[in-house]
Amino acid sequence: MTDTEIAKLRNKMNMTRKSRFEASKRLMSHNRMSQWAISIISAILIVLPQIQIQPNGAILNVLQSAIAIVILVYSAILSSENFYHRSKEMYRCALEIETLMNHLDEDNNKINEIKARYTAILSHYDNHEPIDYSIVASREETKEGRFKAASYWIDNKIRIRAKMVISYIYYLPLLIIVGLIAIVIYSNSSKISFSSSGSDPQYRQTEQRE
């Protein structure tokens, strides 16, 4: 194998390695955000029943039911997506490729063996997403100054950012529900009371008789 072919293989392995690291980072970010999302909506679900809005308490009851459904959905997503495990797998794959690249630098004579091991590594793990490769490719272009035109660079950055935003679509229902709760509470701030033993109607009637 010529030096050019070895260089192409090294570059291919390097791009895959960086893409797997990027995928690991993205998946771990999803894992953290999912955990925070469930924690936040769980806290809201605990606090919400303590808030009473007269005469629109039914609105909060509906939102409370919606939050319970969202918690179930998020739990199902976390279980099926398994962000944490997949992040660790991507990271492990990147490390294995990195180790293999070191062998490539040490001994070019075993190129066929290295290619076989590289293929075996790829077949053992799930593939990264196109967005991961796009981010790495854009970063490499920036480092090397390989810009085709300003319009191309801007368009490329916008597309990558748009894909990243879309990948976090999981959290849109949470934002909508939290926004609705904030609107309802703000618009009825003068009618809000917190439930307690003293706010129970039967308790108040007893107080009045005494």
N, C-alpha and C. Protein backbone atom coordinates (compact mmCIF):
# COMPACT_ATOMS: atom_id res chain seq x y z
N MET A 1 0.85 -1.20 0.00
CA MET A 1 0.00 0.00 0.00
C MET A 1 0.89 1.25 0.00
N THR A 2 0.55 2.20 -0.85
CA THR A 2 1.35 3.42 -0.98
C THR A 2 1.11 4.35 0.21
N ASP A 3 2.01 5.34 0.30
CA ASP A 3 1.89 6.32 1.38
C ASP A 3 0.59 7.10 1.28
N THR A 4 0.14 7.35 0.04
CA THR A 4 -1.11 8.08 -0.16
C THR A 4 -2.29 7.29 0.37
N GLU A 5 -2.30 5.99 0.10
CA GLU A 5 -3.39 5.13 0.57
C GLU A 5 -3.37 5.03 2.10
N ILE A 6 -2.18 4.97 2.67
CA ILE A 6 -2.06 4.92 4.14
C ILE A 6 -2.58 6.22 4.74
N ALA A 7 -2.24 7.33 4.11
CA ALA A 7 -2.70 8.64 4.59
C ALA A 7 -4.22 8.74 4.53
N LYS A 8 -4.80 8.22 3.45
CA LYS A 8 -6.27 8.23 3.32
C LYS A 8 -6.93 7.38 4.41
N LEU A 9 -6.33 6.22 4.67
CA LEU A 9 -6.87 5.36 5.71
C LEU A 9 -6.76 6.02 7.08
N ARG A 10 -5.62 6.66 7.34
CA ARG A 10 -5.43 7.34 8.61
C ARG A 10 -6.44 8.47 8.77
N ASN A 11 -6.66 9.22 7.70
CA ASN A 11 -7.63 10.32 7.76
C ASN A 11 -9.05 9.80 7.98
N LYS A 12 -9.36 8.69 7.31
CA LYS A 12 -10.69 8.08 7.48
C LYS A 12 -10.90 7.63 8.92
N MET A 13 -9.89 6.96 9.46
CA MET A 13 -9.99 6.50 10.85
C MET A 13 -10.07 7.68 11.81
N ASN A 14 -9.32 8.72 11.53
CA ASN A 14 -9.32 9.89 12.40
C ASN A 14 -10.68 10.59 12.41
N MET A 15 -11.32 10.71 11.23
CA MET A 15 -12.64 11.33 11.14
C MET A 15 -13.68 10.49 11.88
N THR A 16 -13.56 9.17 11.74
CA THR A 16 -14.49 8.29 12.45
C THR A 16 -14.29 8.40 13.95
N ARG A 17 -13.03 8.43 14.37
CA ARG A 17 -12.72 8.56 15.80
C ARG A 17 -13.31 9.84 16.37
N LYS A 18 -13.11 10.95 15.69
CA LYS A 18 -13.63 12.22 16.17
C LYS A 18 -15.15 12.25 16.14
N SER A 19 -15.74 11.62 15.13
CA SER A 19 -17.21 11.56 15.05
C SER A 19 -17.79 10.76 16.20
N ARG A 20 -17.09 9.67 16.58
CA ARG A 20 -17.57 8.86 17.70
C ARG A 20 -17.44 9.63 19.02
N PHE A 21 -16.35 10.40 19.17
CA PHE A 21 -16.22 11.24 20.36
C PHE A 21 -17.35 12.28 20.40
N GLU A 22 -17.64 12.86 19.25
CA GLU A 22 -18.71 13.86 19.17
C GLU A 22 -20.07 13.23 19.48
N ALA A 23 -20.29 12.03 18.99
CA ALA A 23 -21.54 11.31 19.27
C ALA A 23 -21.66 11.01 20.76
N SER A 24 -20.55 10.62 21.38
CA SER A 24 -20.55 10.36 22.82
C SER A 24 -20.92 11.60 23.60
N LYS A 25 -20.36 12.73 23.20
CA LYS A 25 -20.67 13.99 23.88
C LYS A 25 -22.13 14.38 23.70
N ARG A 26 -22.65 14.20 22.48
CA ARG A 26 -24.06 14.54 22.20
C ARG A 26 -25.00 13.65 23.01
N LEU A 27 -24.73 12.36 23.05
CA LEU A 27 -25.60 11.44 23.78
C LEU A 27 -25.55 11.69 25.28
N MET A 28 -24.37 12.02 25.79
CA MET A 28 -24.27 12.33 27.22
C MET A 28 -25.03 13.61 27.55
N SER A 29 -25.02 14.56 26.61
CA SER A 29 -25.79 15.79 26.80
C SER A 29 -27.27 15.46 26.85
N HIS A 30 -27.72 14.57 25.97
CA HIS A 30 -29.12 14.13 25.99
C HIS A 30 -29.45 13.45 27.32
N ASN A 31 -28.54 12.65 27.81
CA ASN A 31 -28.77 11.95 29.08
C ASN A 31 -28.95 12.95 30.23
N ARG A 32 -28.06 13.95 30.28
CA ARG A 32 -28.17 14.95 31.34
C ARG A 32 -29.46 15.75 31.22
N MET A 33 -29.80 16.16 30.02
CA MET A 33 -31.00 16.96 29.83
C MET A 33 -32.25 16.15 30.14
N SER A 34 -32.25 14.88 29.80
CA SER A 34 -33.40 14.03 30.10
C SER A 34 -33.58 13.88 31.60
N GLN A 35 -32.47 13.69 32.31
CA GLN A 35 -32.55 13.57 33.76
C GLN A 35 -33.06 14.86 34.39
N TRP A 36 -32.55 15.98 33.90
CA TRP A 36 -33.03 17.27 34.41
C TRP A 36 -34.50 17.49 34.08
N ALA A 37 -34.90 17.09 32.88
CA ALA A 37 -36.29 17.26 32.47
C ALA A 37 -37.23 16.50 33.39
N ILE A 38 -36.90 15.24 33.66
CA ILE A 38 -37.75 14.43 34.53
C ILE A 38 -37.76 15.00 35.95
N SER A 39 -36.61 15.48 36.42
CA SER A 39 -36.55 16.06 37.77
C SER A 39 -37.41 17.31 37.86
N ILE A 40 -37.34 18.16 36.83
CA ILE A 40 -38.10 19.41 36.85
C ILE A 40 -39.60 19.15 36.81
N ILE A 41 -40.03 18.30 35.88
CA ILE A 41 -41.48 18.07 35.76
C ILE A 41 -42.01 17.28 36.96
N SER A 42 -41.16 16.46 37.57
CA SER A 42 -41.58 15.76 38.79
C SER A 42 -41.78 16.75 39.93
N ALA A 43 -40.85 17.73 40.03
CA ALA A 43 -40.99 18.76 41.06
C ALA A 43 -42.25 19.59 40.83
N ILE A 44 -42.51 19.92 39.57
CA ILE A 44 -43.71 20.69 39.25
C ILE A 44 -44.96 19.90 39.61
N LEU A 45 -44.93 18.60 39.34
CA LEU A 45 -46.08 17.74 39.64
C LEU A 45 -46.34 17.68 41.14
N ILE A 46 -45.29 17.79 41.95
CA ILE A 46 -45.45 17.79 43.41
C ILE A 46 -46.00 19.13 43.90
N VAL A 47 -45.49 20.23 43.33
CA VAL A 47 -45.88 21.56 43.79
C VAL A 47 -47.25 21.97 43.29
N LEU A 48 -47.59 21.57 42.08
CA LEU A 48 -48.81 22.05 41.43
C LEU A 48 -50.07 21.79 42.24
N PRO A 49 -50.26 20.63 42.84
CA PRO A 49 -51.50 20.41 43.61
C PRO A 49 -51.65 21.34 44.81
N GLN A 50 -50.54 21.96 45.25
CA GLN A 50 -50.60 22.87 46.39
C GLN A 50 -51.07 24.26 45.98
N ILE A 51 -51.15 24.50 44.67
CA ILE A 51 -51.56 25.82 44.18
C ILE A 51 -53.04 25.77 43.82
N GLN A 52 -53.78 26.71 44.33
CA GLN A 52 -55.21 26.80 44.02
C GLN A 52 -55.50 28.14 43.35
N ILE A 53 -56.18 28.05 42.23
CA ILE A 53 -56.57 29.26 41.51
C ILE A 53 -58.10 29.28 41.42
N GLN A 54 -58.69 30.28 41.97
CA GLN A 54 -60.14 30.40 41.92
C GLN A 54 -60.53 31.48 40.91
N PRO A 55 -61.45 31.22 39.98
CA PRO A 55 -62.23 29.98 39.90
C PRO A 55 -61.72 29.02 38.83
N ASN A 56 -60.42 29.12 38.44
CA ASN A 56 -59.89 28.35 37.30
C ASN A 56 -59.00 27.18 37.74
N GLY A 57 -59.35 26.58 38.85
CA GLY A 57 -58.54 25.46 39.33
C GLY A 57 -58.53 24.29 38.38
N ALA A 58 -59.57 24.17 37.56
CA ALA A 58 -59.66 23.04 36.61
C ALA A 58 -58.52 23.09 35.60
N ILE A 59 -58.03 24.28 35.27
CA ILE A 59 -56.95 24.41 34.31
C ILE A 59 -55.69 23.74 34.82
N LEU A 60 -55.38 24.00 36.09
CA LEU A 60 -54.20 23.38 36.68
C LEU A 60 -54.37 21.87 36.80
N ASN A 61 -55.59 21.42 37.01
CA ASN A 61 -55.83 19.98 37.08
C ASN A 61 -55.53 19.32 35.74
N VAL A 62 -55.91 20.00 34.66
CA VAL A 62 -55.62 19.48 33.32
C VAL A 62 -54.12 19.44 33.09
N LEU A 63 -53.43 20.53 33.45
CA LEU A 63 -51.98 20.57 33.28
C LEU A 63 -51.28 19.52 34.14
N GLN A 64 -51.82 19.29 35.32
CA GLN A 64 -51.25 18.26 36.19
C GLN A 64 -51.35 16.89 35.54
N SER A 65 -52.48 16.61 34.90
CA SER A 65 -52.64 15.34 34.19
C SER A 65 -51.68 15.26 33.01
N ALA A 66 -51.52 16.39 32.31
CA ALA A 66 -50.61 16.42 31.17
C ALA A 66 -49.17 16.15 31.61
N ILE A 67 -48.78 16.72 32.76
CA ILE A 67 -47.42 16.50 33.26
C ILE A 67 -47.20 15.04 33.60
N ALA A 68 -48.21 14.41 34.21
CA ALA A 68 -48.08 12.98 34.54
C ALA A 68 -47.86 12.15 33.28
N ILE A 69 -48.56 12.52 32.20
CA ILE A 69 -48.40 11.81 30.93
C ILE A 69 -47.00 12.04 30.37
N VAL A 70 -46.52 13.30 30.47
CA VAL A 70 -45.19 13.63 29.96
C VAL A 70 -44.11 12.84 30.71
N ILE A 71 -44.28 12.68 32.01
CA ILE A 71 -43.32 11.90 32.80
C ILE A 71 -43.26 10.47 32.29
N LEU A 72 -44.42 9.89 32.01
CA LEU A 72 -44.47 8.52 31.49
C LEU A 72 -43.76 8.44 30.13
N VAL A 73 -44.01 9.44 29.28
CA VAL A 73 -43.40 9.46 27.95
C VAL A 73 -41.88 9.58 28.06
N TYR A 74 -41.42 10.51 28.90
CA TYR A 74 -39.98 10.71 29.05
C TYR A 74 -39.31 9.47 29.62
N SER A 75 -39.98 8.81 30.55
CA SER A 75 -39.43 7.59 31.13
C SER A 75 -39.29 6.52 30.05
N ALA A 76 -40.30 6.42 29.17
CA ALA A 76 -40.25 5.44 28.09
C ALA A 76 -39.12 5.78 27.10
N ILE A 77 -38.94 7.08 26.82
CA ILE A 77 -37.88 7.51 25.91
C ILE A 77 -36.51 7.18 26.49
N LEU A 78 -36.32 7.50 27.76
CA LEU A 78 -35.04 7.21 28.42
C LEU A 78 -34.73 5.72 28.38
N SER A 79 -35.78 4.92 28.62
CA SER A 79 -35.58 3.48 28.64
C SER A 79 -35.20 2.95 27.25
N SER A 80 -35.85 3.48 26.21
CA SER A 80 -35.61 2.98 24.86
C SER A 80 -34.33 3.55 24.24
N GLU A 81 -34.06 4.83 24.48
CA GLU A 81 -32.89 5.47 23.88
C GLU A 81 -31.58 5.09 24.58
N ASN A 82 -31.66 4.93 25.89
CA ASN A 82 -30.49 4.50 26.67
C ASN A 82 -29.27 5.38 26.35
N PHE A 83 -29.44 6.68 26.53
CA PHE A 83 -28.42 7.65 26.15
C PHE A 83 -27.08 7.38 26.83
N TYR A 84 -27.12 7.09 28.12
CA TYR A 84 -25.88 6.93 28.88
C TYR A 84 -25.05 5.75 28.36
N HIS A 85 -25.69 4.60 28.18
CA HIS A 85 -24.98 3.42 27.69
C HIS A 85 -24.42 3.65 26.29
N ARG A 86 -25.22 4.26 25.42
CA ARG A 86 -24.77 4.50 24.05
C ARG A 86 -23.61 5.50 24.02
N SER A 87 -23.64 6.48 24.92
CA SER A 87 -22.55 7.44 25.00
C SER A 87 -21.25 6.75 25.38
N LYS A 88 -21.31 5.86 26.35
CA LYS A 88 -20.13 5.12 26.78
C LYS A 88 -19.62 4.21 25.66
N GLU A 89 -20.53 3.61 24.91
CA GLU A 89 -20.14 2.74 23.82
C GLU A 89 -19.42 3.52 22.72
N MET A 90 -19.95 4.70 22.39
CA MET A 90 -19.31 5.54 21.38
C MET A 90 -17.91 5.96 21.83
N TYR A 91 -17.79 6.30 23.09
CA TYR A 91 -16.49 6.71 23.63
C TYR A 91 -15.49 5.55 23.58
N ARG A 92 -15.96 4.37 23.94
CA ARG A 92 -15.09 3.19 23.91
C ARG A 92 -14.64 2.88 22.48
N CYS A 93 -15.56 3.01 21.53
CA CYS A 93 -15.23 2.78 20.13
C CYS A 93 -14.16 3.76 19.66
N ALA A 94 -14.30 5.04 20.03
CA ALA A 94 -13.33 6.06 19.64
C ALA A 94 -11.95 5.74 20.20
N LEU A 95 -11.90 5.27 21.44
CA LEU A 95 -10.62 4.91 22.05
C LEU A 95 -9.97 3.73 21.35
N GLU A 96 -10.77 2.75 20.94
CA GLU A 96 -10.23 1.60 20.23
C GLU A 96 -9.66 2.01 18.88
N ILE A 97 -10.35 2.90 18.19
CA ILE A 97 -9.84 3.39 16.90
C ILE A 97 -8.56 4.18 17.11
N GLU A 98 -8.52 4.97 18.18
CA GLU A 98 -7.32 5.75 18.48
C GLU A 98 -6.12 4.84 18.74
N THR A 99 -6.35 3.77 19.48
CA THR A 99 -5.28 2.80 19.73
C THR A 99 -4.81 2.16 18.43
N LEU A 100 -5.76 1.85 17.56
CA LEU A 100 -5.42 1.24 16.28
C LEU A 100 -4.63 2.20 15.40
N MET A 101 -4.95 3.48 15.47
CA MET A 101 -4.20 4.48 14.70
C MET A 101 -2.75 4.55 15.17
N ASN A 102 -2.53 4.37 16.47
CA ASN A 102 -1.15 4.36 16.98
C ASN A 102 -0.36 3.19 16.40
N HIS A 103 -1.03 2.04 16.26
CA HIS A 103 -0.38 0.88 15.65
C HIS A 103 -0.06 1.16 14.18
N LEU A 104 -0.97 1.92 13.52
CA LEU A 104 -0.74 2.25 12.11
C LEU A 104 0.51 3.11 11.97
N ASP A 105 0.69 4.03 12.90
CA ASP A 105 1.87 4.89 12.86
C ASP A 105 3.15 4.11 13.15
N GLU A 106 3.03 3.06 13.98
CA GLU A 106 4.21 2.30 14.38
C GLU A 106 4.65 1.30 13.32
N ASP A 107 3.66 0.70 12.64
CA ASP A 107 4.01 -0.38 11.71
C ASP A 107 3.09 -0.35 10.49
N ASN A 108 3.58 0.23 9.40
CA ASN A 108 2.79 0.30 8.17
C ASN A 108 2.73 -1.04 7.43
N ASN A 109 3.58 -1.95 7.82
CA ASN A 109 3.62 -3.24 7.12
C ASN A 109 2.41 -4.12 7.43
N LYS A 110 1.77 -3.84 8.55
CA LYS A 110 0.60 -4.63 8.95
C LYS A 110 -0.69 -3.92 8.57
N ILE A 111 -0.67 -3.23 7.44
CA ILE A 111 -1.80 -2.42 7.04
C ILE A 111 -3.06 -3.24 6.83
N ASN A 112 -2.93 -4.42 6.22
CA ASN A 112 -4.11 -5.26 5.97
C ASN A 112 -4.72 -5.75 7.28
N GLU A 113 -3.86 -6.10 8.23
CA GLU A 113 -4.35 -6.53 9.55
C GLU A 113 -5.06 -5.38 10.26
N ILE A 114 -4.50 -4.19 10.15
CA ILE A 114 -5.09 -3.02 10.79
C ILE A 114 -6.44 -2.69 10.16
N LYS A 115 -6.52 -2.80 8.84
CA LYS A 115 -7.80 -2.55 8.16
C LYS A 115 -8.86 -3.55 8.61
N ALA A 116 -8.45 -4.81 8.78
CA ALA A 116 -9.39 -5.84 9.22
C ALA A 116 -9.87 -5.56 10.64
N ARG A 117 -8.95 -5.13 11.51
CA ARG A 117 -9.32 -4.81 12.88
C ARG A 117 -10.21 -3.57 12.93
N TYR A 118 -9.94 -2.62 12.06
CA TYR A 118 -10.76 -1.41 11.98
C TYR A 118 -12.19 -1.77 11.57
N THR A 119 -12.33 -2.63 10.58
CA THR A 119 -13.65 -3.07 10.15
C THR A 119 -14.37 -3.82 11.27
N ALA A 120 -13.62 -4.65 12.01
CA ALA A 120 -14.21 -5.40 13.11
C ALA A 120 -14.71 -4.46 14.21
N ILE A 121 -13.95 -3.40 14.48
CA ILE A 121 -14.37 -2.43 15.49
C ILE A 121 -15.67 -1.76 15.08
N LEU A 122 -15.75 -1.33 13.82
CA LEU A 122 -16.95 -0.66 13.33
C LEU A 122 -18.17 -1.56 13.39
N SER A 123 -17.97 -2.83 13.08
CA SER A 123 -19.11 -3.77 13.08
C SER A 123 -19.58 -4.10 14.49
N HIS A 124 -18.73 -3.87 15.47
CA HIS A 124 -19.06 -4.21 16.85
C HIS A 124 -19.93 -3.14 17.52
N TYR A 125 -19.86 -1.90 17.01
CA TYR A 125 -20.57 -0.78 17.64
C TYR A 125 -21.59 -0.19 16.67
N ASP A 126 -22.59 0.52 17.26
CA ASP A 126 -23.53 1.27 16.43
C ASP A 126 -22.81 2.42 15.75
N ASN A 127 -23.37 2.86 14.64
CA ASN A 127 -22.77 3.97 13.91
C ASN A 127 -23.19 5.30 14.54
N HIS A 128 -22.36 6.32 14.36
CA HIS A 128 -22.73 7.65 14.80
C HIS A 128 -23.74 8.25 13.83
N GLU A 129 -24.35 9.37 14.24
CA GLU A 129 -25.33 10.04 13.40
C GLU A 129 -24.63 10.97 12.40
N PRO A 130 -25.30 11.26 11.27
CA PRO A 130 -24.71 12.19 10.29
C PRO A 130 -24.35 13.55 10.89
N ILE A 131 -25.15 14.01 11.88
CA ILE A 131 -24.88 15.31 12.48
C ILE A 131 -23.52 15.31 13.17
N ASP A 132 -23.12 14.17 13.74
CA ASP A 132 -21.82 14.09 14.41
C ASP A 132 -20.68 14.27 13.41
N TYR A 133 -20.81 13.60 12.26
CA TYR A 133 -19.78 13.74 11.22
C TYR A 133 -19.78 15.16 10.66
N SER A 134 -20.97 15.74 10.48
CA SER A 134 -21.05 17.10 9.93
C SER A 134 -20.34 18.10 10.83
N ILE A 135 -20.52 17.95 12.14
CA ILE A 135 -19.87 18.86 13.10
C ILE A 135 -18.35 18.72 13.01
N VAL A 136 -17.88 17.47 12.96
CA VAL A 136 -16.43 17.23 12.89
C VAL A 136 -15.87 17.77 11.57
N ALA A 137 -16.56 17.49 10.47
CA ALA A 137 -16.08 17.94 9.16
C ALA A 137 -16.02 19.46 9.10
N SER A 138 -17.03 20.13 9.65
CA SER A 138 -17.05 21.59 9.66
C SER A 138 -15.91 22.14 10.51
N ARG A 139 -15.64 21.47 11.62
CA ARG A 139 -14.55 21.89 12.50
C ARG A 139 -13.19 21.74 11.82
N GLU A 140 -13.04 20.64 11.07
CA GLU A 140 -11.77 20.41 10.37
C GLU A 140 -11.57 21.45 9.25
N GLU A 141 -12.67 21.80 8.57
CA GLU A 141 -12.58 22.82 7.53
C GLU A 141 -12.16 24.16 8.12
N THR A 142 -12.69 24.45 9.30
CA THR A 142 -12.34 25.71 9.96
C THR A 142 -10.86 25.73 10.34
N LYS A 143 -10.37 24.59 10.87
CA LYS A 143 -8.96 24.51 11.27
C LYS A 143 -8.03 24.68 10.08
N GLU A 144 -8.39 24.05 8.96
CA GLU A 144 -7.51 24.05 7.79
C GLU A 144 -7.76 25.22 6.86
N GLY A 145 -8.78 26.02 7.17
CA GLY A 145 -9.08 27.17 6.33
C GLY A 145 -9.60 26.80 4.96
N ARG A 146 -10.26 25.64 4.85
CA ARG A 146 -10.75 25.20 3.54
C ARG A 146 -12.18 25.68 3.34
N PHE A 147 -12.33 26.97 3.10
CA PHE A 147 -13.65 27.55 2.88
C PHE A 147 -13.89 27.74 1.38
N LYS A 148 -15.01 27.23 0.91
CA LYS A 148 -15.33 27.41 -0.51
C LYS A 148 -15.81 28.83 -0.78
N ALA A 149 -16.63 29.33 0.13
CA ALA A 149 -17.12 30.71 0.01
C ALA A 149 -17.78 31.06 1.34
N ALA A 150 -17.94 32.37 1.57
CA ALA A 150 -18.57 32.80 2.82
C ALA A 150 -20.00 32.28 2.91
N SER A 151 -20.71 32.31 1.80
CA SER A 151 -22.11 31.84 1.79
C SER A 151 -22.18 30.35 2.11
N TYR A 152 -21.21 29.58 1.60
CA TYR A 152 -21.17 28.13 1.89
C TYR A 152 -20.93 27.90 3.37
N TRP A 153 -20.01 28.65 3.96
CA TRP A 153 -19.69 28.50 5.38
C TRP A 153 -20.89 28.84 6.25
N ILE A 154 -21.55 29.95 5.93
CA ILE A 154 -22.72 30.37 6.71
C ILE A 154 -23.85 29.35 6.58
N ASP A 155 -24.11 28.90 5.34
CA ASP A 155 -25.17 27.93 5.11
C ASP A 155 -24.87 26.62 5.83
N ASN A 156 -23.63 26.21 5.81
CA ASN A 156 -23.24 24.97 6.47
C ASN A 156 -23.43 25.07 7.98
N LYS A 157 -23.01 26.18 8.56
CA LYS A 157 -23.17 26.38 10.00
C LYS A 157 -24.64 26.40 10.39
N ILE A 158 -25.46 27.07 9.59
CA ILE A 158 -26.89 27.16 9.88
C ILE A 158 -27.53 25.78 9.83
N ARG A 159 -27.19 24.99 8.82
CA ARG A 159 -27.77 23.65 8.70
C ARG A 159 -27.38 22.77 9.87
N ILE A 160 -26.13 22.86 10.30
CA ILE A 160 -25.67 22.06 11.44
C ILE A 160 -26.41 22.47 12.71
N ARG A 161 -26.52 23.78 12.94
CA ARG A 161 -27.22 24.25 14.13
C ARG A 161 -28.68 23.83 14.10
N ALA A 162 -29.31 23.89 12.92
CA ALA A 162 -30.71 23.51 12.80
C ALA A 162 -30.90 22.02 13.12
N LYS A 163 -29.98 21.20 12.63
CA LYS A 163 -30.06 19.76 12.92
C LYS A 163 -29.87 19.49 14.41
N MET A 164 -28.98 20.26 15.05
CA MET A 164 -28.77 20.09 16.49
C MET A 164 -30.03 20.44 17.27
N VAL A 165 -30.68 21.53 16.86
CA VAL A 165 -31.91 21.94 17.54
C VAL A 165 -32.99 20.87 17.37
N ILE A 166 -33.12 20.36 16.15
CA ILE A 166 -34.13 19.32 15.88
C ILE A 166 -33.86 18.07 16.70
N SER A 167 -32.59 17.75 16.93
CA SER A 167 -32.26 16.55 17.70
C SER A 167 -32.71 16.65 19.15
N TYR A 168 -33.03 17.88 19.61
CA TYR A 168 -33.51 18.06 20.99
C TYR A 168 -35.01 18.26 21.04
N ILE A 169 -35.71 17.76 20.03
CA ILE A 169 -37.16 17.92 19.94
C ILE A 169 -37.86 17.19 21.08
N TYR A 170 -37.17 16.24 21.72
CA TYR A 170 -37.73 15.51 22.86
C TYR A 170 -38.27 16.46 23.93
N TYR A 171 -37.62 17.61 24.07
CA TYR A 171 -37.89 18.47 25.21
C TYR A 171 -38.93 19.55 24.90
N LEU A 172 -39.47 19.54 23.68
CA LEU A 172 -40.47 20.54 23.31
C LEU A 172 -41.74 20.43 24.16
N PRO A 173 -42.30 19.22 24.38
CA PRO A 173 -43.49 19.14 25.23
C PRO A 173 -43.27 19.72 26.62
N LEU A 174 -42.08 19.49 27.18
CA LEU A 174 -41.77 20.05 28.50
C LEU A 174 -41.81 21.56 28.47
N LEU A 175 -41.19 22.16 27.45
CA LEU A 175 -41.18 23.62 27.35
C LEU A 175 -42.60 24.18 27.19
N ILE A 176 -43.42 23.48 26.41
CA ILE A 176 -44.80 23.94 26.20
C ILE A 176 -45.58 23.90 27.50
N ILE A 177 -45.48 22.79 28.23
CA ILE A 177 -46.24 22.65 29.48
C ILE A 177 -45.77 23.64 30.53
N VAL A 178 -44.45 23.78 30.67
CA VAL A 178 -43.92 24.75 31.64
C VAL A 178 -44.36 26.16 31.26
N GLY A 179 -44.35 26.46 29.97
CA GLY A 179 -44.81 27.78 29.50
C GLY A 179 -46.28 28.01 29.81
N LEU A 180 -47.12 27.00 29.59
CA LEU A 180 -48.55 27.13 29.88
C LEU A 180 -48.79 27.34 31.37
N ILE A 181 -48.05 26.59 32.19
CA ILE A 181 -48.20 26.75 33.64
C ILE A 181 -47.80 28.16 34.06
N ALA A 182 -46.69 28.65 33.50
CA ALA A 182 -46.24 30.01 33.84
C ALA A 182 -47.27 31.05 33.42
N ILE A 183 -47.87 30.86 32.25
CA ILE A 183 -48.88 31.82 31.76
C ILE A 183 -50.11 31.80 32.66
N VAL A 184 -50.59 30.59 33.00
CA VAL A 184 -51.78 30.46 33.84
C VAL A 184 -51.54 31.09 35.21
N ILE A 185 -50.38 30.79 35.81
CA ILE A 185 -50.09 31.32 37.15
C ILE A 185 -49.92 32.84 37.11
N TYR A 186 -49.21 33.33 36.08
CA TYR A 186 -48.99 34.79 35.99
C TYR A 186 -50.29 35.55 35.76
N SER A 187 -51.14 35.01 34.87
CA SER A 187 -52.39 35.70 34.54
C SER A 187 -53.41 35.64 35.68
N ASN A 188 -53.19 34.71 36.62
CA ASN A 188 -54.12 34.59 37.75
C ASN A 188 -53.40 34.79 39.08
N SER A 189 -52.33 35.58 39.05
CA SER A 189 -51.50 35.75 40.25
C SER A 189 -52.28 36.30 41.44
N SER A 190 -53.29 37.14 41.17
CA SER A 190 -54.07 37.72 42.27
C SER A 190 -55.06 36.73 42.87
N LYS A 191 -55.28 35.61 42.19
CA LYS A 191 -56.27 34.63 42.66
C LYS A 191 -55.63 33.38 43.23
N ILE A 192 -54.30 33.39 43.36
CA ILE A 192 -53.58 32.19 43.78
C ILE A 192 -53.57 32.09 45.31
N SER A 193 -53.80 30.89 45.78
CA SER A 193 -53.62 30.57 47.20
C SER A 193 -53.00 29.20 47.29
N PHE A 194 -52.32 28.93 48.41
CA PHE A 194 -51.68 27.64 48.60
C PHE A 194 -52.49 26.82 49.58
N SER A 195 -52.75 25.57 49.19
CA SER A 195 -53.58 24.71 50.03
C SER A 195 -52.85 24.36 51.32
N SER A 196 -53.60 24.36 52.42
CA SER A 196 -53.08 23.97 53.73
C SER A 196 -54.25 23.57 54.59
N SER A 197 -53.99 23.18 55.82
CA SER A 197 -55.09 22.78 56.68
C SER A 197 -56.05 23.93 56.94
N GLY A 198 -55.48 25.17 56.93
CA GLY A 198 -56.32 26.32 57.17
C GLY A 198 -57.11 26.75 55.96
N SER A 199 -56.79 26.26 54.79
CA SER A 199 -57.50 26.66 53.58
C SER A 199 -58.60 25.69 53.22
N ASP A 200 -58.75 24.61 53.97
CA ASP A 200 -59.79 23.64 53.70
C ASP A 200 -61.14 24.27 54.04
N PRO A 201 -62.14 24.20 53.13
CA PRO A 201 -63.44 24.85 53.36
C PRO A 201 -64.08 24.39 54.66
N GLN A 202 -64.06 23.09 54.97
CA GLN A 202 -64.68 22.58 56.18
C GLN A 202 -63.99 23.15 57.41
N TYR A 203 -62.65 23.29 57.31
CA TYR A 203 -61.89 23.85 58.43
C TYR A 203 -62.27 25.30 58.67
N ARG A 204 -62.44 26.07 57.57
CA ARG A 204 -62.81 27.47 57.70
C ARG A 204 -64.18 27.64 58.30
N GLN A 205 -65.13 26.74 57.89
CA GLN A 205 -66.48 26.83 58.44
C GLN A 205 -66.46 26.58 59.95
N THR A 206 -65.64 25.64 60.41
CA THR A 206 -65.51 25.34 61.84
C THR A 206 -64.99 26.55 62.58
N GLU A 207 -63.99 27.24 61.95
CA GLU A 207 -63.42 28.42 62.57
C GLU A 207 -64.48 29.52 62.72
N GLN A 208 -65.31 29.68 61.66
CA GLN A 208 -66.32 30.72 61.69
C GLN A 208 -67.35 30.46 62.79
N ARG A 209 -67.75 29.19 63.01
CA ARG A 209 -68.74 28.85 64.05
C ARG A 209 -68.18 29.12 65.44
N GLU A 210 -66.87 28.89 65.59
CA GLU A 210 -66.24 29.13 66.89
C GLU A 210 -66.14 30.64 67.16
